[in-house]
Amino acid sequence: MTAALMIACRIVAGAVALLALLVAVEIGRRHAMSAQAFWSLWLASIVSAFGLWAAVTRT
């Protein structure tokens, strides 16, 4: 994989990770979830975002 493509993949993976976090926060705010449900959703989004990042950036 070329260096430019690798950098582009990392940028996209980072953007997806940030988007997942923002979606989790917005869902929690709009649906007035309990604190436990909100943090569970937040943690799941972080874990899946880092999993995506690791899969994309693995060399």
PDB file of N, CA and C in Angstrom:
ATOM      1  N   MET A   1       0.852  -1.170   0.000  1.00  0.00           N
ATOM      2  CA  MET A   1       0.000   0.000   0.000  1.00  0.00           C
ATOM      3  C   MET A   1       0.901   1.238   0.000  1.00  0.00           C
ATOM      4  N   THR A   2       0.579   2.174  -0.806  1.00  0.00           N
ATOM      5  CA  THR A   2       1.406   3.378  -0.875  1.00  0.00           C
ATOM      6  C   THR A   2       1.218   4.235   0.367  1.00  0.00           C
ATOM      7  N   ALA A   3       2.172   5.096   0.615  1.00  0.00           N
ATOM      8  CA  ALA A   3       2.120   5.949   1.805  1.00  0.00           C
ATOM      9  C   ALA A   3       0.916   6.885   1.769  1.00  0.00           C
ATOM     10  N   ALA A   4       0.611   7.434   0.600  1.00  0.00           N
ATOM     11  CA  ALA A   4      -0.528   8.354   0.495  1.00  0.00           C
ATOM     12  C   ALA A   4      -1.842   7.639   0.781  1.00  0.00           C
ATOM     13  N   LEU A   5      -1.968   6.423   0.284  1.00  0.00           N
ATOM     14  CA  LEU A   5      -3.189   5.654   0.528  1.00  0.00           C
ATOM     15  C   LEU A   5      -3.310   5.296   2.003  1.00  0.00           C
ATOM     16  N   MET A   6      -2.193   4.971   2.628  1.00  0.00           N
ATOM     17  CA  MET A   6      -2.202   4.635   4.046  1.00  0.00           C
ATOM     18  C   MET A   6      -2.620   5.845   4.881  1.00  0.00           C
ATOM     19  N   ILE A   7      -2.116   7.017   4.537  1.00  0.00           N
ATOM     20  CA  ILE A   7      -2.496   8.238   5.255  1.00  0.00           C
ATOM     21  C   ILE A   7      -3.983   8.523   5.063  1.00  0.00           C
ATOM     22  N   ALA A   8      -4.474   8.351   3.854  1.00  0.00           N
ATOM     23  CA  ALA A   8      -5.897   8.572   3.582  1.00  0.00           C
ATOM     24  C   ALA A   8      -6.757   7.607   4.388  1.00  0.00           C
ATOM     25  N   CYS A   9      -6.344   6.351   4.479  1.00  0.00           N
ATOM     26  CA  CYS A   9      -7.098   5.361   5.257  1.00  0.00           C
ATOM     27  C   CYS A   9      -7.130   5.740   6.731  1.00  0.00           C
ATOM     28  N   ARG A  10      -6.018   6.233   7.254  1.00  0.00           N
ATOM     29  CA  ARG A  10      -5.983   6.640   8.660  1.00  0.00           C
ATOM     30  C   ARG A  10      -6.886   7.842   8.914  1.00  0.00           C
ATOM     31  N   ILE A  11      -6.908   8.772   7.988  1.00  0.00           N
ATOM     32  CA  ILE A  11      -7.781   9.940   8.138  1.00  0.00           C
ATOM     33  C   ILE A  11      -9.247   9.515   8.124  1.00  0.00           C
ATOM     34  N   VAL A  12      -9.608   8.638   7.202  1.00  0.00           N
ATOM     35  CA  VAL A  12     -10.992   8.156   7.121  1.00  0.00           C
ATOM     36  C   VAL A  12     -11.357   7.377   8.377  1.00  0.00           C
ATOM     37  N   ALA A  13     -10.466   6.509   8.841  1.00  0.00           N
ATOM     38  CA  ALA A  13     -10.747   5.736  10.052  1.00  0.00           C
ATOM     39  C   ALA A  13     -10.905   6.654  11.262  1.00  0.00           C
ATOM     40  N   GLY A  14     -10.090   7.682  11.354  1.00  0.00           N
ATOM     41  CA  GLY A  14     -10.228   8.642  12.448  1.00  0.00           C
ATOM     42  C   GLY A  14     -11.541   9.399  12.378  1.00  0.00           C
ATOM     43  N   ALA A  15     -11.950   9.769  11.172  1.00  0.00           N
ATOM     44  CA  ALA A  15     -13.223  10.471  10.997  1.00  0.00           C
ATOM     45  C   ALA A  15     -14.396   9.579  11.383  1.00  0.00           C
ATOM     46  N   VAL A  16     -14.330   8.307  11.020  1.00  0.00           N
ATOM     47  CA  VAL A  16     -15.396   7.363  11.381  1.00  0.00           C
ATOM     48  C   VAL A  16     -15.440   7.179  12.895  1.00  0.00           C
ATOM     49  N   ALA A  17     -14.284   7.115  13.535  1.00  0.00           N
ATOM     50  CA  ALA A  17     -14.244   6.978  14.990  1.00  0.00           C
ATOM     51  C   ALA A  17     -14.884   8.189  15.669  1.00  0.00           C
ATOM     52  N   LEU A  18     -14.566   9.372  15.186  1.00  0.00           N
ATOM     53  CA  LEU A  18     -15.152  10.588  15.746  1.00  0.00           C
ATOM     54  C   LEU A  18     -16.653  10.637  15.498  1.00  0.00           C
ATOM     55  N   LEU A  19     -17.082  10.246  14.325  1.00  0.00           N
ATOM     56  CA  LEU A  19     -18.506  10.230  14.006  1.00  0.00           C
ATOM     57  C   LEU A  19     -19.256   9.254  14.908  1.00  0.00           C
ATOM     58  N   ALA A  20     -18.681   8.084  15.157  1.00  0.00           N
ATOM     59  CA  ALA A  20     -19.323   7.110  16.043  1.00  0.00           C
ATOM     60  C   ALA A  20     -19.492   7.677  17.445  1.00  0.00           C
ATOM     61  N   LEU A  21     -18.495   8.379  17.921  1.00  0.00           N
ATOM     62  CA  LEU A  21     -18.584   8.989  19.243  1.00  0.00           C
ATOM     63  C   LEU A  21     -19.660  10.067  19.282  1.00  0.00           C
ATOM     64  N   LEU A  22     -19.702  10.911  18.260  1.00  0.00           N
ATOM     65  CA  LEU A  22     -20.713  11.970  18.215  1.00  0.00           C
ATOM     66  C   LEU A  22     -22.125  11.406  18.117  1.00  0.00           C
ATOM     67  N   VAL A  23     -22.301  10.336  17.363  1.00  0.00           N
ATOM     68  CA  VAL A  23     -23.618   9.702  17.251  1.00  0.00           C
ATOM     69  C   VAL A  23     -24.048   9.141  18.601  1.00  0.00           C
ATOM     70  N   ALA A  24     -23.130   8.501  19.309  1.00  0.00           N
ATOM     71  CA  ALA A  24     -23.468   7.954  20.625  1.00  0.00           C
ATOM     72  C   ALA A  24     -23.885   9.059  21.589  1.00  0.00           C
ATOM     73  N   VAL A  25     -23.176  10.161  21.575  1.00  0.00           N
ATOM     74  CA  VAL A  25     -23.518  11.280  22.460  1.00  0.00           C
ATOM     75  C   VAL A  25     -24.881  11.854  22.096  1.00  0.00           C
ATOM     76  N   GLU A  26     -25.137  12.033  20.812  1.00  0.00           N
ATOM     77  CA  GLU A  26     -26.415  12.616  20.383  1.00  0.00           C
ATOM     78  C   GLU A  26     -27.590  11.688  20.692  1.00  0.00           C
ATOM     79  N   ILE A  27     -27.418  10.398  20.483  1.00  0.00           N
ATOM     80  CA  ILE A  27     -28.486   9.446  20.818  1.00  0.00           C
ATOM     81  C   ILE A  27     -28.777   9.513  22.312  1.00  0.00           C
ATOM     82  N   GLY A  28     -27.731   9.562  23.105  1.00  0.00           N
ATOM     83  CA  GLY A  28     -27.917   9.648  24.554  1.00  0.00           C
ATOM     84  C   GLY A  28     -28.655  10.906  24.970  1.00  0.00           C
ATOM     85  N   ARG A  29     -28.356  12.007  24.330  1.00  0.00           N
ATOM     86  CA  ARG A  29     -29.027  13.268  24.689  1.00  0.00           C
ATOM     87  C   ARG A  29     -30.480  13.283  24.238  1.00  0.00           C
ATOM     88  N   ARG A  30     -30.744  12.822  23.044  1.00  0.00           N
ATOM     89  CA  ARG A  30     -32.101  12.918  22.496  1.00  0.00           C
ATOM     90  C   ARG A  30     -33.079  11.949  23.146  1.00  0.00           C
ATOM     91  N   HIS A  31     -32.599  10.809  23.568  1.00  0.00           N
ATOM     92  CA  HIS A  31     -33.508   9.799  24.098  1.00  0.00           C
ATOM     93  C   HIS A  31     -33.505   9.739  25.616  1.00  0.00           C
ATOM     94  N   ALA A  32     -32.809  10.655  26.244  1.00  0.00           N
ATOM     95  CA  ALA A  32     -32.779  10.736  27.707  1.00  0.00           C
ATOM     96  C   ALA A  32     -32.542   9.364  28.324  1.00  0.00           C
ATOM     97  N   MET A  33     -31.495   8.721  27.869  1.00  0.00           N
ATOM     98  CA  MET A  33     -31.159   7.393  28.376  1.00  0.00           C
ATOM     99  C   MET A  33     -30.704   7.479  29.827  1.00  0.00           C
ATOM    100  N   SER A  34     -30.771   6.347  30.488  1.00  0.00           N
ATOM    101  CA  SER A  34     -30.177   6.286  31.812  1.00  0.00           C
ATOM    102  C   SER A  34     -28.663   6.418  31.651  1.00  0.00           C
ATOM    103  N   ALA A  35     -28.008   6.789  32.709  1.00  0.00           N
ATOM    104  CA  ALA A  35     -26.556   6.985  32.642  1.00  0.00           C
ATOM    105  C   ALA A  35     -25.847   5.689  32.264  1.00  0.00           C
ATOM    106  N   GLN A  36     -26.307   4.567  32.791  1.00  0.00           N
ATOM    107  CA  GLN A  36     -25.665   3.289  32.490  1.00  0.00           C
ATOM    108  C   GLN A  36     -25.814   2.940  31.012  1.00  0.00           C
ATOM    109  N   ALA A  37     -26.993   3.133  30.451  1.00  0.00           N
ATOM    110  CA  ALA A  37     -27.206   2.833  29.032  1.00  0.00           C
ATOM    111  C   ALA A  37     -26.377   3.767  28.150  1.00  0.00           C
ATOM    112  N   PHE A  38     -26.301   5.032  28.523  1.00  0.00           N
ATOM    113  CA  PHE A  38     -25.517   5.990  27.748  1.00  0.00           C
ATOM    114  C   PHE A  38     -24.047   5.604  27.725  1.00  0.00           C
ATOM    115  N   TRP A  39     -23.474   5.304  28.890  1.00  0.00           N
ATOM    116  CA  TRP A  39     -22.049   4.965  28.932  1.00  0.00           C
ATOM    117  C   TRP A  39     -21.774   3.638  28.256  1.00  0.00           C
ATOM    118  N   SER A  40     -22.720   2.708  28.306  1.00  0.00           N
ATOM    119  CA  SER A  40     -22.550   1.444  27.582  1.00  0.00           C
ATOM    120  C   SER A  40     -22.504   1.693  26.079  1.00  0.00           C
ATOM    121  N   LEU A  41     -23.393   2.538  25.579  1.00  0.00           N
ATOM    122  CA  LEU A  41     -23.399   2.878  24.155  1.00  0.00           C
ATOM    123  C   LEU A  41     -22.129   3.625  23.777  1.00  0.00           C
ATOM    124  N   TRP A  42     -21.701   4.538  24.621  1.00  0.00           N
ATOM    125  CA  TRP A  42     -20.483   5.303  24.363  1.00  0.00           C
ATOM    126  C   TRP A  42     -19.272   4.382  24.295  1.00  0.00           C
ATOM    127  N   LEU A  43     -19.169   3.467  25.249  1.00  0.00           N
ATOM    128  CA  LEU A  43     -18.040   2.534  25.275  1.00  0.00           C
ATOM    129  C   LEU A  43     -18.058   1.617  24.057  1.00  0.00           C
ATOM    130  N   ALA A  44     -19.234   1.137  23.677  1.00  0.00           N
ATOM    131  CA  ALA A  44     -19.340   0.277  22.495  1.00  0.00           C
ATOM    132  C   ALA A  44     -18.922   1.020  21.235  1.00  0.00           C
ATOM    133  N   SER A  45     -19.274   2.284  21.133  1.00  0.00           N
ATOM    134  CA  SER A  45     -18.883   3.046  19.945  1.00  0.00           C
ATOM    135  C   SER A  45     -17.377   3.264  19.911  1.00  0.00           C
ATOM    136  N   ILE A  46     -16.766   3.504  21.050  1.00  0.00           N
ATOM    137  CA  ILE A  46     -15.315   3.693  21.107  1.00  0.00           C
ATOM    138  C   ILE A  46     -14.597   2.399  20.737  1.00  0.00           C
ATOM    139  N   VAL A  47     -15.048   1.284  21.292  1.00  0.00           N
ATOM    140  CA  VAL A  47     -14.412  -0.002  21.001  1.00  0.00           C
ATOM    141  C   VAL A  47     -14.530  -0.341  19.526  1.00  0.00           C
ATOM    142  N   SER A  48     -15.702  -0.133  18.938  1.00  0.00           N
ATOM    143  CA  SER A  48     -15.863  -0.449  17.520  1.00  0.00           C
ATOM    144  C   SER A  48     -15.067   0.511  16.647  1.00  0.00           C
ATOM    145  N   ALA A  49     -14.979   1.768  17.040  1.00  0.00           N
ATOM    146  CA  ALA A  49     -14.186   2.728  16.268  1.00  0.00           C
ATOM    147  C   ALA A  49     -12.706   2.376  16.315  1.00  0.00           C
ATOM    148  N   PHE A  50     -12.195   2.006  17.484  1.00  0.00           N
ATOM    149  CA  PHE A  50     -10.792   1.608  17.566  1.00  0.00           C
ATOM    150  C   PHE A  50     -10.547   0.300  16.831  1.00  0.00           C
ATOM    151  N   GLY A  51     -11.523  -0.597  16.839  1.00  0.00           N
ATOM    152  CA  GLY A  51     -11.385  -1.825  16.060  1.00  0.00           C
ATOM    153  C   GLY A  51     -11.283  -1.532  14.579  1.00  0.00           C
ATOM    154  N   LEU A  52     -12.104  -0.611  14.106  1.00  0.00           N
ATOM    155  CA  LEU A  52     -12.033  -0.208  12.702  1.00  0.00           C
ATOM    156  C   LEU A  52     -10.691   0.445  12.400  1.00  0.00           C
ATOM    157  N   TRP A  53     -10.259   1.338  13.273  1.00  0.00           N
ATOM    158  CA  TRP A  53      -8.980   2.015  13.080  1.00  0.00           C
ATOM    159  C   TRP A  53      -7.832   1.007  13.033  1.00  0.00           C
ATOM    160  N   ALA A  54      -7.846   0.038  13.940  1.00  0.00           N
ATOM    161  CA  ALA A  54      -6.782  -0.967  13.973  1.00  0.00           C
ATOM    162  C   ALA A  54      -6.796  -1.831  12.718  1.00  0.00           C
ATOM    163  N   ALA A  55      -7.987  -2.174  12.249  1.00  0.00           N
ATOM    164  CA  ALA A  55      -8.081  -3.003  11.045  1.00  0.00           C
ATOM    165  C   ALA A  55      -7.581  -2.260   9.819  1.00  0.00           C
ATOM    166  N   VAL A  56      -7.878  -0.981   9.741  1.00  0.00           N
ATOM    167  CA  VAL A  56      -7.481  -0.200   8.567  1.00  0.00           C
ATOM    168  C   VAL A  56      -5.998   0.112   8.583  1.00  0.00           C
ATOM    169  N   THR A  57      -5.460   0.404   9.754  1.00  0.00           N
ATOM    170  CA  THR A  57      -4.074   0.866   9.820  1.00  0.00           C
ATOM    171  C   THR A  57      -3.070  -0.251  10.079  1.00  0.00           C
ATOM    172  N   ARG A  58      -3.531  -1.474  10.208  1.00  0.00           N
ATOM    173  CA  ARG A  58      -2.599  -2.580  10.455  1.00  0.00           C
ATOM    174  C   ARG A  58      -1.698  -2.767   9.242  1.00  0.00           C
ATOM    175  N   THR A  59      -0.426  -2.959   9.506  1.00  0.00           N
ATOM    176  CA  THR A  59       0.513  -3.131   8.388  1.00  0.00           C
ATOM    177  C   THR A  59       0.987  -4.559   8.298  1.00  0.00           C
TER     178      THR A  59
END
